[in-house]
Amino acid sequence: MASFRNLAAALIACVIISAPAIAQTTTHRPAYGCFKVSVPELNIRQTASANGAVVATAIKNEILVKRRRYCTLRGFWCAVTTNKGIQGFADKSMMTVAACPARLAQ
């Protein structure tokens, strides 16, 4: 019984000691991937609607980070973050799936 307690205590200590290191390495990784803008200009909107206010504009070949696993139910709008950190929604038909740049995978 004592050896089980010692083993449990050692495991808990390992988790506590290594947890900050794990959190540090994963905070900047785009969890859901990236998109590349495929049109000359793409409006980033405040809401997932063509009527939503434009909060930013992305240019062709700009990489946008996908903020959610899935796009809207119909799949027309995706939650994204621009390279300037602005969050909004972009029309999925105007983007292609792309590899995330190394600077985002640190």
N, C-alpha and C. Protein backbone atom coordinates (compact mmCIF):
# COMPACT_ATOMS: atom_id res chain seq x y z
N MET A 1 0.81 -1.18 0.00
CA MET A 1 0.00 0.00 0.00
C MET A 1 0.86 1.26 0.00
N ALA A 2 1.96 1.23 0.77
CA ALA A 2 2.85 2.38 0.83
C ALA A 2 3.50 2.63 -0.52
N SER A 3 3.86 1.58 -1.25
CA SER A 3 4.49 1.77 -2.56
C SER A 3 3.51 2.37 -3.56
N PHE A 4 2.22 2.02 -3.44
CA PHE A 4 1.20 2.62 -4.31
C PHE A 4 1.09 4.11 -4.04
N ARG A 5 1.11 4.50 -2.77
CA ARG A 5 1.04 5.92 -2.41
C ARG A 5 2.26 6.66 -2.93
N ASN A 6 3.43 6.04 -2.81
CA ASN A 6 4.65 6.68 -3.30
C ASN A 6 4.60 6.84 -4.82
N LEU A 7 4.10 5.81 -5.51
CA LEU A 7 3.98 5.88 -6.96
C LEU A 7 2.98 6.97 -7.37
N ALA A 8 1.85 7.02 -6.69
CA ALA A 8 0.83 8.04 -6.98
C ALA A 8 1.39 9.44 -6.73
N ALA A 9 2.09 9.62 -5.65
CA ALA A 9 2.69 10.92 -5.33
C ALA A 9 3.72 11.32 -6.40
N ALA A 10 4.51 10.37 -6.85
CA ALA A 10 5.51 10.65 -7.88
C ALA A 10 4.84 11.05 -9.19
N LEU A 11 3.77 10.35 -9.57
CA LEU A 11 3.05 10.69 -10.80
C LEU A 11 2.44 12.08 -10.72
N ILE A 12 1.84 12.41 -9.60
CA ILE A 12 1.25 13.73 -9.42
C ILE A 12 2.33 14.81 -9.51
N ALA A 13 3.47 14.56 -8.90
CA ALA A 13 4.57 15.52 -8.95
C ALA A 13 5.05 15.72 -10.38
N CYS A 14 5.13 14.65 -11.15
CA CYS A 14 5.55 14.77 -12.56
C CYS A 14 4.57 15.61 -13.37
N VAL A 15 3.29 15.39 -13.14
CA VAL A 15 2.27 16.15 -13.86
C VAL A 15 2.35 17.62 -13.49
N ILE A 16 2.48 17.91 -12.21
CA ILE A 16 2.54 19.30 -11.76
C ILE A 16 3.78 19.99 -12.30
N ILE A 17 4.90 19.32 -12.29
CA ILE A 17 6.14 19.91 -12.76
C ILE A 17 6.12 20.12 -14.27
N SER A 18 5.57 19.18 -15.03
CA SER A 18 5.61 19.28 -16.49
C SER A 18 4.44 20.05 -17.07
N ALA A 19 3.38 20.30 -16.32
CA ALA A 19 2.20 20.98 -16.86
C ALA A 19 2.50 22.36 -17.43
N PRO A 20 3.26 23.22 -16.74
CA PRO A 20 3.53 24.53 -17.34
C PRO A 20 4.28 24.43 -18.66
N ALA A 21 5.19 23.49 -18.78
CA ALA A 21 5.95 23.32 -20.02
C ALA A 21 5.04 22.88 -21.15
N ILE A 22 4.11 22.00 -20.87
CA ILE A 22 3.18 21.55 -21.90
C ILE A 22 2.29 22.70 -22.33
N ALA A 23 1.75 23.44 -21.39
CA ALA A 23 0.87 24.55 -21.72
C ALA A 23 1.61 25.61 -22.53
N GLN A 24 2.86 25.85 -22.21
CA GLN A 24 3.64 26.86 -22.91
C GLN A 24 3.85 26.49 -24.37
N THR A 25 4.07 25.24 -24.66
CA THR A 25 4.37 24.85 -26.04
C THR A 25 3.13 24.76 -26.91
N THR A 26 1.94 24.68 -26.32
CA THR A 26 0.75 24.51 -27.13
C THR A 26 -0.10 25.78 -27.26
N THR A 27 0.20 26.84 -26.55
CA THR A 27 -0.67 28.01 -26.56
C THR A 27 -0.69 28.74 -27.90
N HIS A 28 0.36 28.67 -28.69
CA HIS A 28 0.42 29.42 -29.93
C HIS A 28 0.10 28.58 -31.16
N ARG A 29 -0.12 27.31 -31.01
CA ARG A 29 -0.41 26.46 -32.16
C ARG A 29 -1.85 26.62 -32.61
N PRO A 30 -2.06 26.80 -33.92
CA PRO A 30 -3.44 26.86 -34.40
C PRO A 30 -4.06 25.47 -34.33
N ALA A 31 -4.99 25.28 -33.43
CA ALA A 31 -5.55 23.96 -33.18
C ALA A 31 -6.36 23.41 -34.36
N TYR A 32 -6.95 24.29 -35.17
CA TYR A 32 -7.86 23.83 -36.20
C TYR A 32 -7.35 24.06 -37.62
N GLY A 33 -6.16 24.55 -37.78
CA GLY A 33 -5.59 24.72 -39.11
C GLY A 33 -5.66 26.14 -39.63
N CYS A 34 -5.38 26.28 -40.91
CA CYS A 34 -5.31 27.59 -41.54
C CYS A 34 -5.98 27.58 -42.91
N PHE A 35 -6.31 28.77 -43.38
CA PHE A 35 -6.84 28.98 -44.72
C PHE A 35 -5.96 29.98 -45.44
N LYS A 36 -5.95 29.90 -46.77
CA LYS A 36 -5.27 30.90 -47.60
C LYS A 36 -6.35 31.61 -48.41
N VAL A 37 -6.30 32.93 -48.41
CA VAL A 37 -7.27 33.73 -49.17
C VAL A 37 -7.02 33.50 -50.66
N SER A 38 -8.08 33.19 -51.41
CA SER A 38 -7.92 32.87 -52.84
C SER A 38 -8.53 33.93 -53.76
N VAL A 39 -8.99 35.04 -53.22
CA VAL A 39 -9.55 36.15 -54.01
C VAL A 39 -8.72 37.40 -53.74
N PRO A 40 -8.81 38.42 -54.61
CA PRO A 40 -8.00 39.62 -54.39
C PRO A 40 -8.19 40.27 -53.01
N GLU A 41 -9.42 40.38 -52.54
CA GLU A 41 -9.71 40.92 -51.21
C GLU A 41 -10.86 40.14 -50.58
N LEU A 42 -10.75 39.88 -49.30
CA LEU A 42 -11.77 39.13 -48.58
C LEU A 42 -12.16 39.91 -47.33
N ASN A 43 -13.44 40.21 -47.20
CA ASN A 43 -13.93 40.91 -46.01
C ASN A 43 -14.03 39.94 -44.83
N ILE A 44 -13.50 40.36 -43.70
CA ILE A 44 -13.65 39.64 -42.45
C ILE A 44 -14.78 40.35 -41.71
N ARG A 45 -15.82 39.61 -41.40
CA ARG A 45 -17.03 40.22 -40.84
C ARG A 45 -17.19 39.92 -39.36
N GLN A 46 -17.92 40.79 -38.68
CA GLN A 46 -18.14 40.65 -37.25
C GLN A 46 -19.03 39.45 -36.93
N THR A 47 -19.99 39.15 -37.81
CA THR A 47 -20.88 38.01 -37.63
C THR A 47 -20.83 37.12 -38.87
N ALA A 48 -21.35 35.92 -38.74
CA ALA A 48 -21.34 34.96 -39.85
C ALA A 48 -22.49 35.26 -40.80
N SER A 49 -22.41 36.41 -41.46
CA SER A 49 -23.47 36.85 -42.36
C SER A 49 -22.92 37.88 -43.33
N ALA A 50 -23.47 37.89 -44.54
CA ALA A 50 -23.08 38.91 -45.51
C ALA A 50 -23.50 40.31 -45.05
N ASN A 51 -24.41 40.37 -44.10
CA ASN A 51 -24.85 41.66 -43.55
C ASN A 51 -24.01 42.11 -42.35
N GLY A 52 -23.10 41.25 -41.88
CA GLY A 52 -22.27 41.59 -40.74
C GLY A 52 -21.31 42.73 -41.06
N ALA A 53 -21.01 43.53 -40.07
CA ALA A 53 -20.08 44.65 -40.25
C ALA A 53 -18.69 44.12 -40.62
N VAL A 54 -18.02 44.80 -41.53
CA VAL A 54 -16.66 44.43 -41.93
C VAL A 54 -15.69 44.95 -40.87
N VAL A 55 -14.91 44.03 -40.27
CA VAL A 55 -13.96 44.42 -39.23
C VAL A 55 -12.53 44.44 -39.74
N ALA A 56 -12.29 43.80 -40.89
CA ALA A 56 -10.95 43.78 -41.48
C ALA A 56 -11.07 43.28 -42.92
N THR A 57 -10.00 43.44 -43.67
CA THR A 57 -9.92 42.92 -45.03
C THR A 57 -8.62 42.14 -45.16
N ALA A 58 -8.71 40.95 -45.73
CA ALA A 58 -7.52 40.12 -45.99
C ALA A 58 -7.26 40.13 -47.49
N ILE A 59 -5.98 40.11 -47.87
CA ILE A 59 -5.63 40.13 -49.29
C ILE A 59 -5.25 38.73 -49.77
N LYS A 60 -5.19 38.58 -51.09
CA LYS A 60 -4.89 37.28 -51.71
C LYS A 60 -3.61 36.70 -51.13
N ASN A 61 -3.65 35.41 -50.87
CA ASN A 61 -2.55 34.60 -50.32
C ASN A 61 -2.26 34.84 -48.84
N GLU A 62 -3.02 35.71 -48.20
CA GLU A 62 -2.85 35.90 -46.76
C GLU A 62 -3.34 34.64 -46.05
N ILE A 63 -2.66 34.28 -44.98
CA ILE A 63 -3.02 33.10 -44.20
C ILE A 63 -3.90 33.54 -43.03
N LEU A 64 -5.04 32.87 -42.89
CA LEU A 64 -5.96 33.11 -41.78
C LEU A 64 -6.02 31.86 -40.92
N VAL A 65 -6.02 32.04 -39.62
CA VAL A 65 -6.07 30.91 -38.69
C VAL A 65 -7.52 30.58 -38.39
N LYS A 66 -7.86 29.32 -38.54
CA LYS A 66 -9.21 28.84 -38.25
C LYS A 66 -9.38 28.75 -36.73
N ARG A 67 -10.43 29.40 -36.19
CA ARG A 67 -10.63 29.46 -34.74
C ARG A 67 -11.51 28.35 -34.18
N ARG A 68 -12.26 27.70 -35.02
CA ARG A 68 -13.16 26.64 -34.55
C ARG A 68 -12.98 25.40 -35.42
N ARG A 69 -13.31 24.26 -34.85
CA ARG A 69 -13.14 23.01 -35.59
C ARG A 69 -14.00 22.99 -36.84
N TYR A 70 -15.25 23.45 -36.72
CA TYR A 70 -16.17 23.41 -37.85
C TYR A 70 -16.61 24.82 -38.22
N CYS A 71 -16.94 24.99 -39.48
CA CYS A 71 -17.51 26.25 -39.93
C CYS A 71 -19.00 26.23 -39.56
N THR A 72 -19.75 27.24 -39.94
CA THR A 72 -21.17 27.29 -39.57
C THR A 72 -21.91 26.07 -40.11
N LEU A 73 -23.11 25.86 -39.62
CA LEU A 73 -23.88 24.66 -39.98
C LEU A 73 -23.98 24.43 -41.48
N ARG A 74 -24.23 25.45 -42.22
CA ARG A 74 -24.31 25.30 -43.67
C ARG A 74 -22.92 25.31 -44.31
N GLY A 75 -21.92 25.66 -43.53
CA GLY A 75 -20.55 25.62 -44.02
C GLY A 75 -20.10 26.80 -44.83
N PHE A 76 -20.89 27.87 -44.83
CA PHE A 76 -20.53 29.03 -45.65
C PHE A 76 -19.54 29.97 -44.97
N TRP A 77 -19.57 30.06 -43.66
CA TRP A 77 -18.74 31.00 -42.91
C TRP A 77 -17.84 30.27 -41.93
N CYS A 78 -16.60 30.74 -41.83
CA CYS A 78 -15.66 30.15 -40.88
C CYS A 78 -15.11 31.23 -39.95
N ALA A 79 -14.99 30.89 -38.68
CA ALA A 79 -14.40 31.80 -37.70
C ALA A 79 -12.89 31.81 -37.91
N VAL A 80 -12.31 33.00 -38.12
CA VAL A 80 -10.89 33.11 -38.42
C VAL A 80 -10.25 34.25 -37.62
N THR A 81 -8.93 34.22 -37.57
CA THR A 81 -8.13 35.30 -37.01
C THR A 81 -7.13 35.72 -38.06
N THR A 82 -7.01 37.03 -38.30
CA THR A 82 -6.06 37.54 -39.28
C THR A 82 -4.65 37.56 -38.69
N ASN A 83 -3.67 37.86 -39.53
CA ASN A 83 -2.29 37.93 -39.04
C ASN A 83 -2.07 39.13 -38.12
N LYS A 84 -3.03 40.04 -38.06
CA LYS A 84 -2.97 41.18 -37.14
C LYS A 84 -3.73 40.90 -35.85
N GLY A 85 -4.29 39.69 -35.73
CA GLY A 85 -4.99 39.30 -34.52
C GLY A 85 -6.46 39.66 -34.49
N ILE A 86 -7.00 40.15 -35.59
CA ILE A 86 -8.42 40.51 -35.65
C ILE A 86 -9.25 39.25 -35.87
N GLN A 87 -10.28 39.08 -35.06
CA GLN A 87 -11.13 37.91 -35.16
C GLN A 87 -12.45 38.26 -35.84
N GLY A 88 -12.94 37.34 -36.65
CA GLY A 88 -14.20 37.54 -37.33
C GLY A 88 -14.58 36.31 -38.11
N PHE A 89 -15.42 36.49 -39.12
CA PHE A 89 -15.90 35.39 -39.95
C PHE A 89 -15.60 35.68 -41.42
N ALA A 90 -15.19 34.64 -42.16
CA ALA A 90 -14.87 34.79 -43.57
C ALA A 90 -15.64 33.76 -44.39
N ASP A 91 -15.95 34.13 -45.62
CA ASP A 91 -16.67 33.26 -46.55
C ASP A 91 -15.76 32.11 -46.97
N LYS A 92 -16.18 30.89 -46.67
CA LYS A 92 -15.35 29.72 -46.93
C LYS A 92 -15.06 29.52 -48.42
N SER A 93 -15.99 29.92 -49.29
CA SER A 93 -15.80 29.71 -50.73
C SER A 93 -14.69 30.58 -51.31
N MET A 94 -14.20 31.54 -50.53
CA MET A 94 -13.15 32.44 -51.01
C MET A 94 -11.79 32.13 -50.40
N MET A 95 -11.70 30.92 -49.81
CA MET A 95 -10.44 30.49 -49.18
C MET A 95 -10.18 29.03 -49.53
N THR A 96 -8.94 28.63 -49.40
CA THR A 96 -8.57 27.23 -49.55
C THR A 96 -7.84 26.79 -48.28
N VAL A 97 -7.92 25.51 -47.98
CA VAL A 97 -7.20 24.98 -46.83
C VAL A 97 -5.71 25.08 -47.12
N ALA A 98 -4.94 25.52 -46.14
CA ALA A 98 -3.50 25.71 -46.33
C ALA A 98 -2.74 25.27 -45.08
N ALA A 99 -1.48 24.98 -45.27
CA ALA A 99 -0.61 24.66 -44.14
C ALA A 99 -0.36 25.94 -43.35
N CYS A 100 -0.31 25.81 -42.05
CA CYS A 100 -0.03 26.97 -41.20
C CYS A 100 1.46 27.29 -41.26
N PRO A 101 1.82 28.56 -41.31
CA PRO A 101 3.25 28.94 -41.34
C PRO A 101 3.97 28.48 -40.07
N ALA A 102 5.26 28.28 -40.18
CA ALA A 102 6.07 27.81 -39.05
C ALA A 102 5.99 28.78 -37.88
N ARG A 103 5.85 30.08 -38.13
CA ARG A 103 5.80 31.05 -37.03
C ARG A 103 4.60 30.82 -36.13
N LEU A 104 3.53 30.21 -36.66
CA LEU A 104 2.34 29.93 -35.86
C LEU A 104 2.45 28.60 -35.14
N ALA A 105 3.34 27.75 -35.54
CA ALA A 105 3.47 26.41 -34.97
C ALA A 105 4.54 26.33 -33.90
N GLN A 106 4.94 27.45 -33.35
CA GLN A 106 5.98 27.45 -32.33
C GLN A 106 5.45 27.02 -31.00
